[in-house]
Structure formats: C-alpha cells, structure tokens
C-alpha cells in the first residue's frame, strides 16, 4: 500500500496557519489590553504576532505544538523532495547539498519556535540565523536550477 504524498505539504502549512490564527484570536479575546500596551505609551491597534505566540499561555504552547508537528511533516517532505530531485539530476552533489540545506532550515525553524527570544535568546537567535540563511540559500539555488532547466529536463 503506497502513501500519498500530496496531503503532507498542505497539511503542514495549514497546521501552522491554523495555530497562528487560533493564537492570535485567543490573545485578542483574553489579553487584548496587555498585548497592545507598550512601555512608552504608544497606542497599538493590534498586538504583534511574535508577542502573541511568545508572551502568553496557552498560546505559546499551542504554537509550539503545531509548529513541532508541522516540522515533522516537513521533514518527511524533505525526504520525498530529495528522492524526486535524484530522478531529475543524477550528476554532482546537488541533491545532498539541497537536502542538507532543507534539514538545516527546518532545524532552524524548530529552534526559533521552541525557544522564545525572552526565554533563551542565544538558541532563538541561532535558530533564526539558521532558518533565514538556509531558506534564502535553498530558494536561490532551486530557482537557479529551475531557470536553467536542470530539474525539469532530465539533465
């Protein structure tokens, strides 16, 4: 019995989106006055998303849980991506490089999510740097490969 890959990426995206909307809604409902307050008394219309998922419970734990599940599903997608890329590009180490970069990107996202900047700043900052660096490199290399026809022409 073969598993269908199609629902995994969409489910991973929808889990994170659902968690974000849920956390934001809970913050607006339960913590509105506190979430828009600033120490310099500047009036905010809405709270920032990072304060919504990092400063309040149960939102912090809802967000971490759903992103953790999403990262697990995305890791499965990385393995499928690597297998598909091998079919189109059999030359050179590009498959291993792209797979490493996607795994590093997911580890960065996981660290960034699990460690709030107010809790363990070095781990949060390291996760952000990993996520940002490898996601930018990954999309740049994949865009280059696709524009040169390497992934789609069987070269």
C-alpha atoms as a PDB file:
ATOM      1  CA  UNK A   1       0.000   0.000   0.000  1.00  0.00           C
ATOM      2  CA  UNK A   2       1.516   3.309  -1.098  1.00  0.00           C
ATOM      3  CA  UNK A   3       1.149   6.500   0.883  1.00  0.00           C
ATOM      4  CA  UNK A   4       0.053   9.584  -0.994  1.00  0.00           C
ATOM      5  CA  UNK A   5       2.491  12.456  -0.564  1.00  0.00           C
ATOM      6  CA  UNK A   6       0.121  15.225  -1.698  1.00  0.00           C
ATOM      7  CA  UNK A   7      -1.602  15.965   1.644  1.00  0.00           C
ATOM      8  CA  UNK A   8       1.625  16.378   3.639  1.00  0.00           C
ATOM      9  CA  UNK A   9       2.814  19.826   2.474  1.00  0.00           C
ATOM     10  CA  UNK A  10      -0.684  21.289   2.534  1.00  0.00           C
ATOM     11  CA  UNK A  11      -1.422  19.856   5.959  1.00  0.00           C
ATOM     12  CA  UNK A  12       1.879  21.183   7.330  1.00  0.00           C
ATOM     13  CA  UNK A  13       1.099  24.673   6.042  1.00  0.00           C
ATOM     14  CA  UNK A  14      -2.481  24.544   7.272  1.00  0.00           C
ATOM     15  CA  UNK A  15      -1.412  23.401  10.749  1.00  0.00           C
ATOM     16  CA  UNK A  16       0.876  26.400  11.188  1.00  0.00           C
ATOM     17  CA  UNK A  17      -1.716  28.772   9.737  1.00  0.00           C
ATOM     18  CA  UNK A  18      -4.451  27.368  11.969  1.00  0.00           C
ATOM     19  CA  UNK A  19      -2.212  27.658  15.034  1.00  0.00           C
ATOM     20  CA  UNK A  20      -1.332  31.268  14.187  1.00  0.00           C
ATOM     21  CA  UNK A  21      -4.954  32.288  13.715  1.00  0.00           C
ATOM     22  CA  UNK A  22      -6.010  30.438  16.872  1.00  0.00           C
ATOM     23  CA  UNK A  23      -3.257  32.029  18.979  1.00  0.00           C
ATOM     24  CA  UNK A  24      -3.987  35.487  17.631  1.00  0.00           C
ATOM     25  CA  UNK A  25      -7.701  35.040  18.317  1.00  0.00           C
ATOM     26  CA  UNK A  26      -7.084  33.873  21.876  1.00  0.00           C
ATOM     27  CA  UNK A  27      -4.786  36.850  22.502  1.00  0.00           C
ATOM     28  CA  UNK A  28      -7.339  39.313  21.152  1.00  0.00           C
ATOM     29  CA  UNK A  29     -10.032  37.704  23.294  1.00  0.00           C
ATOM     30  CA  UNK A  30      -8.134  37.178  26.561  1.00  0.00           C
ATOM     31  CA  UNK A  31      -5.132  39.536  26.558  1.00  0.00           C
ATOM     32  CA  UNK A  32      -6.072  42.453  24.317  1.00  0.00           C
ATOM     33  CA  UNK A  33      -5.274  45.346  26.680  1.00  0.00           C
ATOM     34  CA  UNK A  34      -2.000  43.849  27.841  1.00  0.00           C
ATOM     35  CA  UNK A  35      -0.934  42.786  24.339  1.00  0.00           C
ATOM     36  CA  UNK A  36      -1.264  46.251  22.773  1.00  0.00           C
ATOM     37  CA  UNK A  37       0.332  48.110  25.702  1.00  0.00           C
ATOM     38  CA  UNK A  38       3.850  49.487  25.246  1.00  0.00           C
ATOM     39  CA  UNK A  39       6.168  50.851  27.913  1.00  0.00           C
ATOM     40  CA  UNK A  40       6.367  54.198  26.082  1.00  0.00           C
ATOM     41  CA  UNK A  41       2.558  54.501  25.905  1.00  0.00           C
ATOM     42  CA  UNK A  42       2.395  54.327  22.116  1.00  0.00           C
ATOM     43  CA  UNK A  43      -1.049  53.150  21.073  1.00  0.00           C
ATOM     44  CA  UNK A  44      -1.121  49.928  19.038  1.00  0.00           C
ATOM     45  CA  UNK A  45      -4.184  48.808  17.132  1.00  0.00           C
ATOM     46  CA  UNK A  46      -3.275  45.104  17.263  1.00  0.00           C
ATOM     47  CA  UNK A  47      -0.602  43.076  19.065  1.00  0.00           C
ATOM     48  CA  UNK A  48       2.464  41.862  17.216  1.00  0.00           C
ATOM     49  CA  UNK A  49       2.391  38.251  16.138  1.00  0.00           C
ATOM     50  CA  UNK A  50       5.622  37.452  17.988  1.00  0.00           C
ATOM     51  CA  UNK A  51       4.200  38.721  21.269  1.00  0.00           C
ATOM     52  CA  UNK A  52       1.013  36.749  20.624  1.00  0.00           C
ATOM     53  CA  UNK A  53       2.837  33.429  20.300  1.00  0.00           C
ATOM     54  CA  UNK A  54       5.657  34.119  22.742  1.00  0.00           C
ATOM     55  CA  UNK A  55       4.325  36.076  25.698  1.00  0.00           C
ATOM     56  CA  UNK A  56       1.075  34.372  26.665  1.00  0.00           C
ATOM     57  CA  UNK A  57      -0.099  30.930  27.676  1.00  0.00           C
ATOM     58  CA  UNK A  58      -1.678  28.750  26.367  1.00  0.00           C
ATOM     59  CA  UNK A  59      -0.865  30.431  23.023  1.00  0.00           C
ATOM     60  CA  UNK A  60       2.873  29.802  23.382  1.00  0.00           C
ATOM     61  CA  UNK A  61       2.309  26.073  23.837  1.00  0.00           C
ATOM     62  CA  UNK A  62      -0.354  25.804  21.131  1.00  0.00           C
ATOM     63  CA  UNK A  63       2.029  27.453  18.661  1.00  0.00           C
ATOM     64  CA  UNK A  64       4.976  25.264  19.659  1.00  0.00           C
ATOM     65  CA  UNK A  65       2.942  22.081  19.426  1.00  0.00           C
ATOM     66  CA  UNK A  66       1.518  22.816  15.979  1.00  0.00           C
ATOM     67  CA  UNK A  67       4.842  24.022  14.562  1.00  0.00           C
ATOM     68  CA  UNK A  68       6.554  20.938  16.010  1.00  0.00           C
ATOM     69  CA  UNK A  69       4.050  18.682  14.235  1.00  0.00           C
ATOM     70  CA  UNK A  70       4.416  20.787  11.092  1.00  0.00           C
ATOM     71  CA  UNK A  71       8.230  20.469  11.187  1.00  0.00           C
ATOM     72  CA  UNK A  72       7.899  16.692  11.490  1.00  0.00           C
ATOM     73  CA  UNK A  73       5.669  16.611   8.421  1.00  0.00           C
ATOM     74  CA  UNK A  74       8.024  18.935   6.564  1.00  0.00           C
ATOM     75  CA  UNK A  75      10.934  16.603   7.330  1.00  0.00           C
ATOM     76  CA  UNK A  76       9.014  13.857   5.517  1.00  0.00           C
ATOM     77  CA  UNK A  77       8.584  16.284   2.606  1.00  0.00           C
ATOM     78  CA  UNK A  78      12.363  16.861   2.535  1.00  0.00           C
ATOM     79  CA  UNK A  79      12.940  13.133   2.078  1.00  0.00           C
ATOM     80  CA  UNK A  80      10.391  12.953  -0.763  1.00  0.00           C
ATOM     81  CA  UNK A  81      11.902  16.089  -2.349  1.00  0.00           C
ATOM     82  CA  UNK A  82      15.373  14.531  -2.256  1.00  0.00           C
ATOM     83  CA  UNK A  83      14.142  11.344  -3.930  1.00  0.00           C
ATOM     84  CA  UNK A  84      12.382  13.323  -6.660  1.00  0.00           C
ATOM     85  CA  UNK A  85      15.430  15.521  -7.239  1.00  0.00           C
ATOM     86  CA  UNK A  86      17.631  12.443  -7.640  1.00  0.00           C
ATOM     87  CA  UNK A  87      15.446  11.300 -10.547  1.00  0.00           C
ATOM     88  CA  UNK A  88      15.989  14.582 -12.405  1.00  0.00           C
ATOM     89  CA  UNK A  89      19.597  15.393 -11.550  1.00  0.00           C
ATOM     90  CA  UNK A  90      21.907  12.439 -11.154  1.00  0.00           C
ATOM     91  CA  UNK A  91      25.183  14.385 -11.532  1.00  0.00           C
ATOM     92  CA  UNK A  92      27.098  16.055  -8.745  1.00  0.00           C
ATOM     93  CA  UNK A  93      26.403  16.588  -5.055  1.00  0.00           C
ATOM     94  CA  UNK A  94      23.474  18.979  -5.564  1.00  0.00           C
ATOM     95  CA  UNK A  95      20.917  16.563  -4.082  1.00  0.00           C
ATOM     96  CA  UNK A  96      22.918  16.149  -0.881  1.00  0.00           C
ATOM     97  CA  UNK A  97      23.570  19.887  -0.615  1.00  0.00           C
ATOM     98  CA  UNK A  98      19.912  20.815  -1.075  1.00  0.00           C
ATOM     99  CA  UNK A  99      18.776  18.102   1.337  1.00  0.00           C
ATOM    100  CA  UNK A 100      21.256  19.309   3.969  1.00  0.00           C
ATOM    101  CA  UNK A 101      20.097  22.902   3.500  1.00  0.00           C
ATOM    102  CA  UNK A 102      16.424  21.967   3.871  1.00  0.00           C
ATOM    103  CA  UNK A 103      17.112  19.945   7.010  1.00  0.00           C
ATOM    104  CA  UNK A 104      19.166  22.835   8.447  1.00  0.00           C
ATOM    105  CA  UNK A 105      16.317  25.227   7.580  1.00  0.00           C
ATOM    106  CA  UNK A 106      13.821  23.029   9.441  1.00  0.00           C
ATOM    107  CA  UNK A 107      16.114  22.695  12.450  1.00  0.00           C
ATOM    108  CA  UNK A 108      16.404  26.488  12.475  1.00  0.00           C
ATOM    109  CA  UNK A 109      12.624  26.876  12.326  1.00  0.00           C
ATOM    110  CA  UNK A 110      12.213  24.362  15.132  1.00  0.00           C
ATOM    111  CA  UNK A 111      14.789  26.120  17.366  1.00  0.00           C
ATOM    112  CA  UNK A 112      13.331  29.528  16.559  1.00  0.00           C
ATOM    113  CA  UNK A 113       9.899  28.302  17.585  1.00  0.00           C
ATOM    114  CA  UNK A 114      10.767  26.248  20.656  1.00  0.00           C
ATOM    115  CA  UNK A 115      12.983  28.899  22.276  1.00  0.00           C
ATOM    116  CA  UNK A 116      11.361  32.320  22.617  1.00  0.00           C
ATOM    117  CA  UNK A 117      13.691  35.309  22.483  1.00  0.00           C
ATOM    118  CA  UNK A 118      12.656  36.210  26.024  1.00  0.00           C
ATOM    119  CA  UNK A 119      13.492  32.719  27.345  1.00  0.00           C
ATOM    120  CA  UNK A 120      16.733  31.519  25.729  1.00  0.00           C
ATOM    121  CA  UNK A 121      17.881  34.280  23.406  1.00  0.00           C
ATOM    122  CA  UNK A 122      21.075  32.588  22.068  1.00  0.00           C
ATOM    123  CA  UNK A 123      19.135  29.483  20.944  1.00  0.00           C
ATOM    124  CA  UNK A 124      16.385  31.657  19.438  1.00  0.00           C
ATOM    125  CA  UNK A 125      18.912  33.835  17.594  1.00  0.00           C
ATOM    126  CA  UNK A 126      20.844  30.795  16.339  1.00  0.00           C
ATOM    127  CA  UNK A 127      17.595  29.220  15.108  1.00  0.00           C
ATOM    128  CA  UNK A 128      16.630  32.439  13.329  1.00  0.00           C
ATOM    129  CA  UNK A 129      20.040  32.677  11.627  1.00  0.00           C
ATOM    130  CA  UNK A 130      19.886  29.020  10.516  1.00  0.00           C
ATOM    131  CA  UNK A 131      16.351  29.374   9.224  1.00  0.00           C
ATOM    132  CA  UNK A 132      16.973  32.639   7.391  1.00  0.00           C
ATOM    133  CA  UNK A 133      20.351  31.700   5.896  1.00  0.00           C
ATOM    134  CA  UNK A 134      19.400  28.239   4.661  1.00  0.00           C
ATOM    135  CA  UNK A 135      15.938  29.186   3.422  1.00  0.00           C
ATOM    136  CA  UNK A 136      17.439  32.013   1.343  1.00  0.00           C
ATOM    137  CA  UNK A 137      20.249  29.823   0.000  1.00  0.00           C
ATOM    138  CA  UNK A 138      17.851  26.989  -0.727  1.00  0.00           C
ATOM    139  CA  UNK A 139      15.364  29.084  -2.663  1.00  0.00           C
ATOM    140  CA  UNK A 140      18.177  30.812  -4.577  1.00  0.00           C
ATOM    141  CA  UNK A 141      19.766  27.544  -5.676  1.00  0.00           C
ATOM    142  CA  UNK A 142      16.448  25.903  -6.563  1.00  0.00           C
ATOM    143  CA  UNK A 143      15.385  28.984  -8.557  1.00  0.00           C
ATOM    144  CA  UNK A 144      18.697  28.888 -10.426  1.00  0.00           C
ATOM    145  CA  UNK A 145      18.331  25.193 -11.186  1.00  0.00           C
ATOM    146  CA  UNK A 146      14.768  25.606 -12.384  1.00  0.00           C
ATOM    147  CA  UNK A 147      15.578  28.619 -14.556  1.00  0.00           C
ATOM    148  CA  UNK A 148      18.452  26.705 -16.200  1.00  0.00           C
ATOM    149  CA  UNK A 149      16.192  23.705 -16.782  1.00  0.00           C
ATOM    150  CA  UNK A 150      18.289  21.268 -14.726  1.00  0.00           C
ATOM    151  CA  UNK A 151      15.445  19.900 -12.617  1.00  0.00           C
ATOM    152  CA  UNK A 152      12.808  19.652 -15.306  1.00  0.00           C
ATOM    153  CA  UNK A 153      14.662  18.396 -18.405  1.00  0.00           C
ATOM    154  CA  UNK A 154      16.287  15.249 -17.016  1.00  0.00           C
ATOM    155  CA  UNK A 155      19.819  16.655 -17.323  1.00  0.00           C
END
